PDB file of all heavy atoms in Angstrom:
ATOM      1  N   LEU A   1     -11.409  15.183 -47.340  1.00  0.00           N
ATOM      2  CA  LEU A   1     -10.234  15.135 -46.458  1.00  0.00           C
ATOM      3  C   LEU A   1     -10.559  15.602 -45.142  1.00  0.00           C
ATOM      4  O   LEU A   1     -11.086  16.723 -45.003  1.00  0.00           O
ATOM      5  CB  LEU A   1      -9.102  15.997 -47.103  1.00  0.00           C
ATOM      6  CG  LEU A   1      -7.934  16.339 -46.152  1.00  0.00           C
ATOM      7  CD1 LEU A   1      -7.106  15.002 -45.953  1.00  0.00           C
ATOM      8  CD2 LEU A   1      -6.958  17.345 -46.861  1.00  0.00           C
ATOM      9  N   GLU A   2     -10.248  14.827 -44.154  1.00  0.00           N
ATOM     10  CA  GLU A   2     -10.501  15.279 -42.744  1.00  0.00           C
ATOM     11  C   GLU A   2      -9.190  15.148 -41.927  1.00  0.00           C
ATOM     12  O   GLU A   2      -8.498  14.221 -42.113  1.00  0.00           O
ATOM     13  CB  GLU A   2     -11.594  14.383 -42.128  1.00  0.00           C
ATOM     14  CG  GLU A   2     -12.920  14.561 -42.705  1.00  0.00           C
ATOM     15  CD  GLU A   2     -13.610  15.897 -42.477  1.00  0.00           C
ATOM     16  OE1 GLU A   2     -13.113  16.589 -41.575  1.00  0.00           O
ATOM     17  OE2 GLU A   2     -14.635  16.189 -43.167  1.00  0.00           O
ATOM     18  N   VAL A   3      -8.927  16.076 -41.108  1.00  0.00           N
ATOM     19  CA  VAL A   3      -7.891  16.025 -40.109  1.00  0.00           C
ATOM     20  C   VAL A   3      -8.407  15.316 -38.884  1.00  0.00           C
ATOM     21  O   VAL A   3      -9.362  15.839 -38.273  1.00  0.00           O
ATOM     22  CB  VAL A   3      -7.312  17.428 -39.747  1.00  0.00           C
ATOM     23  CG1 VAL A   3      -6.253  17.327 -38.684  1.00  0.00           C
ATOM     24  CG2 VAL A   3      -6.727  18.116 -41.045  1.00  0.00           C
ATOM     25  N   VAL A   4      -7.855  14.218 -38.538  1.00  0.00           N
ATOM     26  CA  VAL A   4      -8.390  13.439 -37.423  1.00  0.00           C
ATOM     27  C   VAL A   4      -7.708  13.913 -36.077  1.00  0.00           C
ATOM     28  O   VAL A   4      -8.472  13.999 -35.073  1.00  0.00           O
ATOM     29  CB  VAL A   4      -8.066  11.934 -37.713  1.00  0.00           C
ATOM     30  CG1 VAL A   4      -8.481  11.089 -36.459  1.00  0.00           C
ATOM     31  CG2 VAL A   4      -8.746  11.421 -38.924  1.00  0.00           C
ATOM     32  N   ALA A   5      -6.458  14.093 -36.141  1.00  0.00           N
ATOM     33  CA  ALA A   5      -5.751  14.578 -34.895  1.00  0.00           C
ATOM     34  C   ALA A   5      -4.615  15.561 -35.278  1.00  0.00           C
ATOM     35  O   ALA A   5      -3.903  15.234 -36.192  1.00  0.00           O
ATOM     36  CB  ALA A   5      -5.279  13.381 -34.110  1.00  0.00           C
ATOM     37  N   TYR A   6      -4.521  16.634 -34.563  1.00  0.00           N
ATOM     38  CA  TYR A   6      -3.420  17.618 -34.819  1.00  0.00           C
ATOM     39  C   TYR A   6      -2.765  17.936 -33.528  1.00  0.00           C
ATOM     40  O   TYR A   6      -3.409  18.298 -32.530  1.00  0.00           O
ATOM     41  CB  TYR A   6      -4.055  18.868 -35.458  1.00  0.00           C
ATOM     42  CG  TYR A   6      -3.003  19.839 -36.034  1.00  0.00           C
ATOM     43  CD1 TYR A   6      -2.525  19.589 -37.334  1.00  0.00           C
ATOM     44  CD2 TYR A   6      -2.498  20.803 -35.257  1.00  0.00           C
ATOM     45  CE1 TYR A   6      -1.573  20.353 -37.842  1.00  0.00           C
ATOM     46  CE2 TYR A   6      -1.548  21.655 -35.752  1.00  0.00           C
ATOM     47  CZ  TYR A   6      -1.054  21.396 -37.110  1.00  0.00           C
ATOM     48  OH  TYR A   6      -0.020  22.180 -37.544  1.00  0.00           O
ATOM     49  N   ARG A   7      -1.453  17.812 -33.499  1.00  0.00           N
ATOM     50  CA  ARG A   7      -0.694  17.876 -32.267  1.00  0.00           C
ATOM     51  C   ARG A   7       0.273  19.003 -32.184  1.00  0.00           C
ATOM     52  O   ARG A   7       0.937  19.182 -31.098  1.00  0.00           O
ATOM     53  CB  ARG A   7       0.141  16.580 -32.180  1.00  0.00           C
ATOM     54  CG  ARG A   7      -0.692  15.260 -32.245  1.00  0.00           C
ATOM     55  CD  ARG A   7       0.090  14.009 -32.487  1.00  0.00           C
ATOM     56  NE  ARG A   7      -0.743  12.790 -32.477  1.00  0.00           N
ATOM     57  CZ  ARG A   7      -1.320  12.318 -33.531  1.00  0.00           C
ATOM     58  NH1 ARG A   7      -1.199  12.978 -34.738  1.00  0.00           N
ATOM     59  NH2 ARG A   7      -2.032  11.260 -33.491  1.00  0.00           N
ATOM     60  N   GLU A   8       0.428  19.898 -33.208  1.00  0.00           N
ATOM     61  CA  GLU A   8       1.286  20.963 -33.209  1.00  0.00           C
ATOM     62  C   GLU A   8       0.614  22.214 -32.564  1.00  0.00           C
ATOM     63  O   GLU A   8      -0.624  22.348 -32.630  1.00  0.00           O
ATOM     64  CB  GLU A   8       1.696  21.364 -34.635  1.00  0.00           C
ATOM     65  CG  GLU A   8       2.300  20.246 -35.449  1.00  0.00           C
ATOM     66  CD  GLU A   8       3.755  19.967 -35.106  1.00  0.00           C
ATOM     67  OE1 GLU A   8       4.336  20.670 -34.206  1.00  0.00           O
ATOM     68  OE2 GLU A   8       4.393  19.203 -35.867  1.00  0.00           O
ATOM     69  N   PRO A   9       1.384  23.105 -31.991  1.00  0.00           N
ATOM     70  CA  PRO A   9       0.848  24.276 -31.467  1.00  0.00           C
ATOM     71  C   PRO A   9       0.307  25.370 -32.453  1.00  0.00           C
ATOM     72  O   PRO A   9      -0.570  26.158 -32.164  1.00  0.00           O
ATOM     73  CB  PRO A   9       1.892  24.912 -30.586  1.00  0.00           C
ATOM     74  CG  PRO A   9       3.112  24.412 -31.204  1.00  0.00           C
ATOM     75  CD  PRO A   9       2.782  23.011 -31.705  1.00  0.00           C
ATOM     76  N   ARG A  10       0.804  25.228 -33.684  1.00  0.00           N
ATOM     77  CA  ARG A  10       0.386  26.149 -34.786  1.00  0.00           C
ATOM     78  C   ARG A  10       0.069  25.292 -36.017  1.00  0.00           C
ATOM     79  O   ARG A  10       0.437  24.184 -36.165  1.00  0.00           O
ATOM     80  CB  ARG A  10       1.513  27.081 -35.078  1.00  0.00           C
ATOM     81  CG  ARG A  10       1.906  28.075 -33.991  1.00  0.00           C
ATOM     82  CD  ARG A  10       3.006  29.079 -34.335  1.00  0.00           C
ATOM     83  NE  ARG A  10       3.338  29.915 -33.282  1.00  0.00           N
ATOM     84  CZ  ARG A  10       4.184  29.656 -32.306  1.00  0.00           C
ATOM     85  NH1 ARG A  10       4.891  28.457 -32.291  1.00  0.00           N
ATOM     86  NH2 ARG A  10       4.497  30.573 -31.395  1.00  0.00           N
ATOM     87  N   GLY A  11      -0.657  25.962 -36.925  1.00  0.00           N
ATOM     88  CA  GLY A  11      -0.934  25.254 -38.180  1.00  0.00           C
ATOM     89  C   GLY A  11      -2.349  24.603 -38.231  1.00  0.00           C
ATOM     90  O   GLY A  11      -2.660  23.938 -39.240  1.00  0.00           O
ATOM     91  N   HIS A  12      -3.130  24.858 -37.288  1.00  0.00           N
ATOM     92  CA  HIS A  12      -4.505  24.319 -37.198  1.00  0.00           C
ATOM     93  C   HIS A  12      -5.360  24.744 -38.430  1.00  0.00           C
ATOM     94  O   HIS A  12      -6.371  24.058 -38.634  1.00  0.00           O
ATOM     95  CB  HIS A  12      -5.264  24.667 -35.955  1.00  0.00           C
ATOM     96  CG  HIS A  12      -4.667  23.995 -34.689  1.00  0.00           C
ATOM     97  ND1 HIS A  12      -5.068  22.826 -34.203  1.00  0.00           N
ATOM     98  CD2 HIS A  12      -3.623  24.399 -33.931  1.00  0.00           C
ATOM     99  CE1 HIS A  12      -4.319  22.516 -33.137  1.00  0.00           C
ATOM    100  NE2 HIS A  12      -3.408  23.405 -33.005  1.00  0.00           N
ATOM    101  N   GLU A  13      -4.950  25.705 -39.070  1.00  0.00           N
ATOM    102  CA  GLU A  13      -5.793  26.227 -40.185  1.00  0.00           C
ATOM    103  C   GLU A  13      -6.017  25.198 -41.282  1.00  0.00           C
ATOM    104  O   GLU A  13      -7.024  25.333 -42.016  1.00  0.00           O
ATOM    105  CB  GLU A  13      -5.124  27.456 -40.821  1.00  0.00           C
ATOM    106  CG  GLU A  13      -5.056  28.698 -39.957  1.00  0.00           C
ATOM    107  CD  GLU A  13      -3.868  28.684 -39.010  1.00  0.00           C
ATOM    108  OE1 GLU A  13      -3.126  27.645 -38.906  1.00  0.00           O
ATOM    109  OE2 GLU A  13      -3.630  29.779 -38.322  1.00  0.00           O
ATOM    110  N   ILE A  14      -5.201  24.213 -41.333  1.00  0.00           N
ATOM    111  CA  ILE A  14      -5.472  23.112 -42.353  1.00  0.00           C
ATOM    112  C   ILE A  14      -6.786  22.370 -42.134  1.00  0.00           C
ATOM    113  O   ILE A  14      -7.236  21.736 -43.010  1.00  0.00           O
ATOM    114  CB  ILE A  14      -4.301  22.132 -42.392  1.00  0.00           C
ATOM    115  CG1 ILE A  14      -4.121  21.352 -41.032  1.00  0.00           C
ATOM    116  CG2 ILE A  14      -3.037  22.820 -42.819  1.00  0.00           C
ATOM    117  CD1 ILE A  14      -3.226  20.200 -41.222  1.00  0.00           C
ATOM    118  N   ARG A  15      -7.387  22.566 -40.939  1.00  0.00           N
ATOM    119  CA  ARG A  15      -8.620  21.936 -40.716  1.00  0.00           C
ATOM    120  C   ARG A  15      -9.725  22.645 -41.315  1.00  0.00           C
ATOM    121  O   ARG A  15     -10.881  22.161 -41.431  1.00  0.00           O
ATOM    122  CB  ARG A  15      -8.891  21.848 -39.181  1.00  0.00           C
ATOM    123  CG  ARG A  15      -7.888  20.947 -38.394  1.00  0.00           C
ATOM    124  CD  ARG A  15      -8.334  20.827 -36.985  1.00  0.00           C
ATOM    125  NE  ARG A  15      -9.764  20.380 -36.842  1.00  0.00           N
ATOM    126  CZ  ARG A  15     -10.656  21.067 -36.105  1.00  0.00           C
ATOM    127  NH1 ARG A  15     -10.332  22.155 -35.408  1.00  0.00           N
ATOM    128  NH2 ARG A  15     -11.833  20.575 -36.035  1.00  0.00           N
ATOM    129  N   GLY A  16      -9.533  23.908 -41.763  1.00  0.00           N
ATOM    130  CA  GLY A  16     -10.608  24.703 -42.265  1.00  0.00           C
ATOM    131  C   GLY A  16     -11.184  24.180 -43.624  1.00  0.00           C
ATOM    132  O   GLY A  16     -10.440  23.543 -44.455  1.00  0.00           O
ATOM    133  N   PRO A  17     -12.379  24.400 -43.864  1.00  0.00           N
ATOM    134  CA  PRO A  17     -13.041  23.815 -45.158  1.00  0.00           C
ATOM    135  C   PRO A  17     -12.519  24.389 -46.366  1.00  0.00           C
ATOM    136  O   PRO A  17     -12.421  23.615 -47.380  1.00  0.00           O
ATOM    137  CB  PRO A  17     -14.509  24.148 -44.867  1.00  0.00           C
ATOM    138  CG  PRO A  17     -14.583  25.334 -43.906  1.00  0.00           C
ATOM    139  CD  PRO A  17     -13.382  25.113 -42.983  1.00  0.00           C
ATOM    140  N   ARG A  18     -12.059  25.619 -46.334  1.00  0.00           N
ATOM    141  CA  ARG A  18     -11.491  26.256 -47.614  1.00  0.00           C
ATOM    142  C   ARG A  18     -10.275  25.490 -48.078  1.00  0.00           C
ATOM    143  O   ARG A  18     -10.125  25.206 -49.225  1.00  0.00           O
ATOM    144  CB  ARG A  18     -11.232  27.703 -47.375  1.00  0.00           C
ATOM    145  CG  ARG A  18     -10.672  28.370 -48.621  1.00  0.00           C
ATOM    146  CD  ARG A  18     -10.508  29.879 -48.442  1.00  0.00           C
ATOM    147  NE  ARG A  18     -11.809  30.576 -48.188  1.00  0.00           N
ATOM    148  CZ  ARG A  18     -11.857  31.859 -48.003  1.00  0.00           C
ATOM    149  NH1 ARG A  18     -10.787  32.629 -48.017  1.00  0.00           N
ATOM    150  NH2 ARG A  18     -13.021  32.384 -47.772  1.00  0.00           N
ATOM    151  N   PHE A  19      -9.343  25.153 -47.070  1.00  0.00           N
ATOM    152  CA  PHE A  19      -8.175  24.448 -47.481  1.00  0.00           C
ATOM    153  C   PHE A  19      -8.522  23.039 -47.935  1.00  0.00           C
ATOM    154  O   PHE A  19      -8.065  22.558 -48.995  1.00  0.00           O
ATOM    155  CB  PHE A  19      -7.261  24.416 -46.324  1.00  0.00           C
ATOM    156  CG  PHE A  19      -5.923  23.553 -46.538  1.00  0.00           C
ATOM    157  CD1 PHE A  19      -5.007  24.108 -47.338  1.00  0.00           C
ATOM    158  CD2 PHE A  19      -5.810  22.290 -46.003  1.00  0.00           C
ATOM    159  CE1 PHE A  19      -3.850  23.328 -47.664  1.00  0.00           C
ATOM    160  CE2 PHE A  19      -4.744  21.510 -46.298  1.00  0.00           C
ATOM    161  CZ  PHE A  19      -3.705  22.007 -47.130  1.00  0.00           C
ATOM    162  N   ARG A  20      -9.348  22.339 -47.102  1.00  0.00           N
ATOM    163  CA  ARG A  20      -9.605  20.940 -47.475  1.00  0.00           C
ATOM    164  C   ARG A  20     -10.330  20.790 -48.803  1.00  0.00           C
ATOM    165  O   ARG A  20     -10.171  19.807 -49.500  1.00  0.00           O
ATOM    166  CB  ARG A  20     -10.315  20.265 -46.294  1.00  0.00           C
ATOM    167  CG  ARG A  20      -9.538  20.191 -45.029  1.00  0.00           C
ATOM    168  CD  ARG A  20     -10.334  19.407 -43.879  1.00  0.00           C
ATOM    169  NE  ARG A  20     -11.437  20.251 -43.396  1.00  0.00           N
ATOM    170  CZ  ARG A  20     -12.641  19.941 -43.589  1.00  0.00           C
ATOM    171  NH1 ARG A  20     -12.984  18.866 -44.283  1.00  0.00           N
ATOM    172  NH2 ARG A  20     -13.625  20.698 -43.106  1.00  0.00           N
ATOM    173  N   ALA A  21     -11.172  21.744 -49.085  1.00  0.00           N
ATOM    174  CA  ALA A  21     -11.991  21.687 -50.324  1.00  0.00           C
ATOM    175  C   ALA A  21     -11.124  21.658 -51.563  1.00  0.00           C
ATOM    176  O   ALA A  21     -11.530  21.302 -52.621  1.00  0.00           O
ATOM    177  CB  ALA A  21     -13.018  22.867 -50.346  1.00  0.00           C
ATOM    178  N   GLN A  22      -9.893  22.199 -51.437  1.00  0.00           N
ATOM    179  CA  GLN A  22      -9.022  22.242 -52.670  1.00  0.00           C
ATOM    180  C   GLN A  22      -8.635  20.870 -53.198  1.00  0.00           C
ATOM    181  O   GLN A  22      -8.302  20.688 -54.389  1.00  0.00           O
ATOM    182  CB  GLN A  22      -7.677  22.975 -52.273  1.00  0.00           C
ATOM    183  CG  GLN A  22      -7.860  24.416 -51.927  1.00  0.00           C
ATOM    184  CD  GLN A  22      -6.554  25.056 -51.608  1.00  0.00           C
ATOM    185  OE1 GLN A  22      -5.909  25.632 -52.486  1.00  0.00           O
ATOM    186  NE2 GLN A  22      -6.099  24.966 -50.335  1.00  0.00           N
ATOM    187  N   PHE A  23      -8.800  19.873 -52.305  1.00  0.00           N
ATOM    188  CA  PHE A  23      -8.418  18.474 -52.696  1.00  0.00           C
ATOM    189  C   PHE A  23      -9.602  17.795 -53.432  1.00  0.00           C
ATOM    190  O   PHE A  23      -9.437  16.749 -54.030  1.00  0.00           O
ATOM    191  CB  PHE A  23      -7.938  17.686 -51.548  1.00  0.00           C
ATOM    192  CG  PHE A  23      -6.676  18.164 -50.958  1.00  0.00           C
ATOM    193  CD1 PHE A  23      -6.697  19.166 -49.918  1.00  0.00           C
ATOM    194  CD2 PHE A  23      -5.416  17.708 -51.313  1.00  0.00           C
ATOM    195  CE1 PHE A  23      -5.569  19.608 -49.383  1.00  0.00           C
ATOM    196  CE2 PHE A  23      -4.259  18.152 -50.800  1.00  0.00           C
ATOM    197  CZ  PHE A  23      -4.286  19.114 -49.773  1.00  0.00           C
ATOM    198  N   ARG A  24     -10.842  18.316 -53.241  1.00  0.00           N
ATOM    199  CA  ARG A  24     -11.996  17.673 -53.800  1.00  0.00           C
ATOM    200  C   ARG A  24     -11.810  17.514 -55.343  1.00  0.00           C
ATOM    201  O   ARG A  24     -11.510  18.454 -56.035  1.00  0.00           O
ATOM    202  CB  ARG A  24     -13.222  18.361 -53.385  1.00  0.00           C
ATOM    203  CG  ARG A  24     -14.454  17.600 -53.689  1.00  0.00           C
ATOM    204  CD  ARG A  24     -15.735  18.409 -53.222  1.00  0.00           C
ATOM    205  NE  ARG A  24     -15.619  18.676 -51.757  1.00  0.00           N
ATOM    206  CZ  ARG A  24     -15.795  19.861 -51.218  1.00  0.00           C
ATOM    207  NH1 ARG A  24     -16.027  20.944 -51.917  1.00  0.00           N
ATOM    208  NH2 ARG A  24     -15.715  19.961 -49.901  1.00  0.00           N
ATOM    209  N   GLY A  25     -12.101  16.301 -55.822  1.00  0.00           N
ATOM    210  CA  GLY A  25     -12.070  16.078 -57.206  1.00  0.00           C
ATOM    211  C   GLY A  25     -10.736  15.671 -57.717  1.00  0.00           C
ATOM    212  O   GLY A  25     -10.558  15.280 -58.932  1.00  0.00           O
ATOM    213  N   LYS A  26      -9.676  15.761 -56.937  1.00  0.00           N
ATOM    214  CA  LYS A  26      -8.293  15.469 -57.398  1.00  0.00           C
ATOM    215  C   LYS A  26      -8.106  13.866 -57.565  1.00  0.00           C
ATOM    216  O   LYS A  26      -8.872  13.141 -56.829  1.00  0.00           O
ATOM    217  CB  LYS A  26      -7.271  15.992 -56.385  1.00  0.00           C
ATOM    218  CG  LYS A  26      -7.276  17.455 -56.204  1.00  0.00           C
ATOM    219  CD  LYS A  26      -6.954  18.234 -57.578  1.00  0.00           C
ATOM    220  CE  LYS A  26      -6.836  19.764 -57.295  1.00  0.00           C
ATOM    221  NZ  LYS A  26      -6.656  20.432 -58.522  1.00  0.00           N
ATOM    222  N   THR A  27      -7.296  13.570 -58.468  1.00  0.00           N
ATOM    223  CA  THR A  27      -7.003  12.091 -58.552  1.00  0.00           C
ATOM    224  C   THR A  27      -5.550  11.778 -58.564  1.00  0.00           C
ATOM    225  O   THR A  27      -4.748  12.755 -58.559  1.00  0.00           O
ATOM    226  CB  THR A  27      -7.591  11.597 -60.013  1.00  0.00           C
ATOM    227  OG1 THR A  27      -6.698  12.133 -61.054  1.00  0.00           O
ATOM    228  CG2 THR A  27      -9.042  12.041 -60.215  1.00  0.00           C
ATOM    229  N   ALA A  28      -5.159  10.593 -58.680  1.00  0.00           N
ATOM    230  CA  ALA A  28      -3.741  10.220 -58.649  1.00  0.00           C
ATOM    231  C   ALA A  28      -3.080  10.757 -59.937  1.00  0.00           C
ATOM    232  O   ALA A  28      -1.798  10.935 -59.896  1.00  0.00           O
ATOM    233  CB  ALA A  28      -3.618   8.645 -58.579  1.00  0.00           C
ATOM    234  N   ALA A  29      -3.768  11.107 -60.987  1.00  0.00           N
ATOM    235  CA  ALA A  29      -3.141  11.601 -62.160  1.00  0.00           C
ATOM    236  C   ALA A  29      -2.884  13.096 -62.113  1.00  0.00           C
ATOM    237  O   ALA A  29      -2.149  13.627 -62.874  1.00  0.00           O
ATOM    238  CB  ALA A  29      -4.119  11.304 -63.359  1.00  0.00           C
ATOM    239  N   ASP A  30      -3.510  13.749 -61.119  1.00  0.00           N
ATOM    240  CA  ASP A  30      -3.311  15.218 -60.981  1.00  0.00           C
ATOM    241  C   ASP A  30      -2.034  15.537 -60.235  1.00  0.00           C
ATOM    242  O   ASP A  30      -1.561  14.815 -59.252  1.00  0.00           O
ATOM    243  CB  ASP A  30      -4.485  15.803 -60.226  1.00  0.00           C
ATOM    244  CG  ASP A  30      -5.790  15.785 -61.001  1.00  0.00           C
ATOM    245  OD1 ASP A  30      -5.730  16.076 -62.164  1.00  0.00           O
ATOM    246  OD2 ASP A  30      -6.808  15.524 -60.395  1.00  0.00           O
TER     247      ASP A  30
END
């Protein structure tokens, strides 16, 4: 999962690898 563009003044932390790594391995059934 990659954040391509972020426009808000707050909340940039979602770009961090720890947050994005939580989605790795997930499927539509999860």
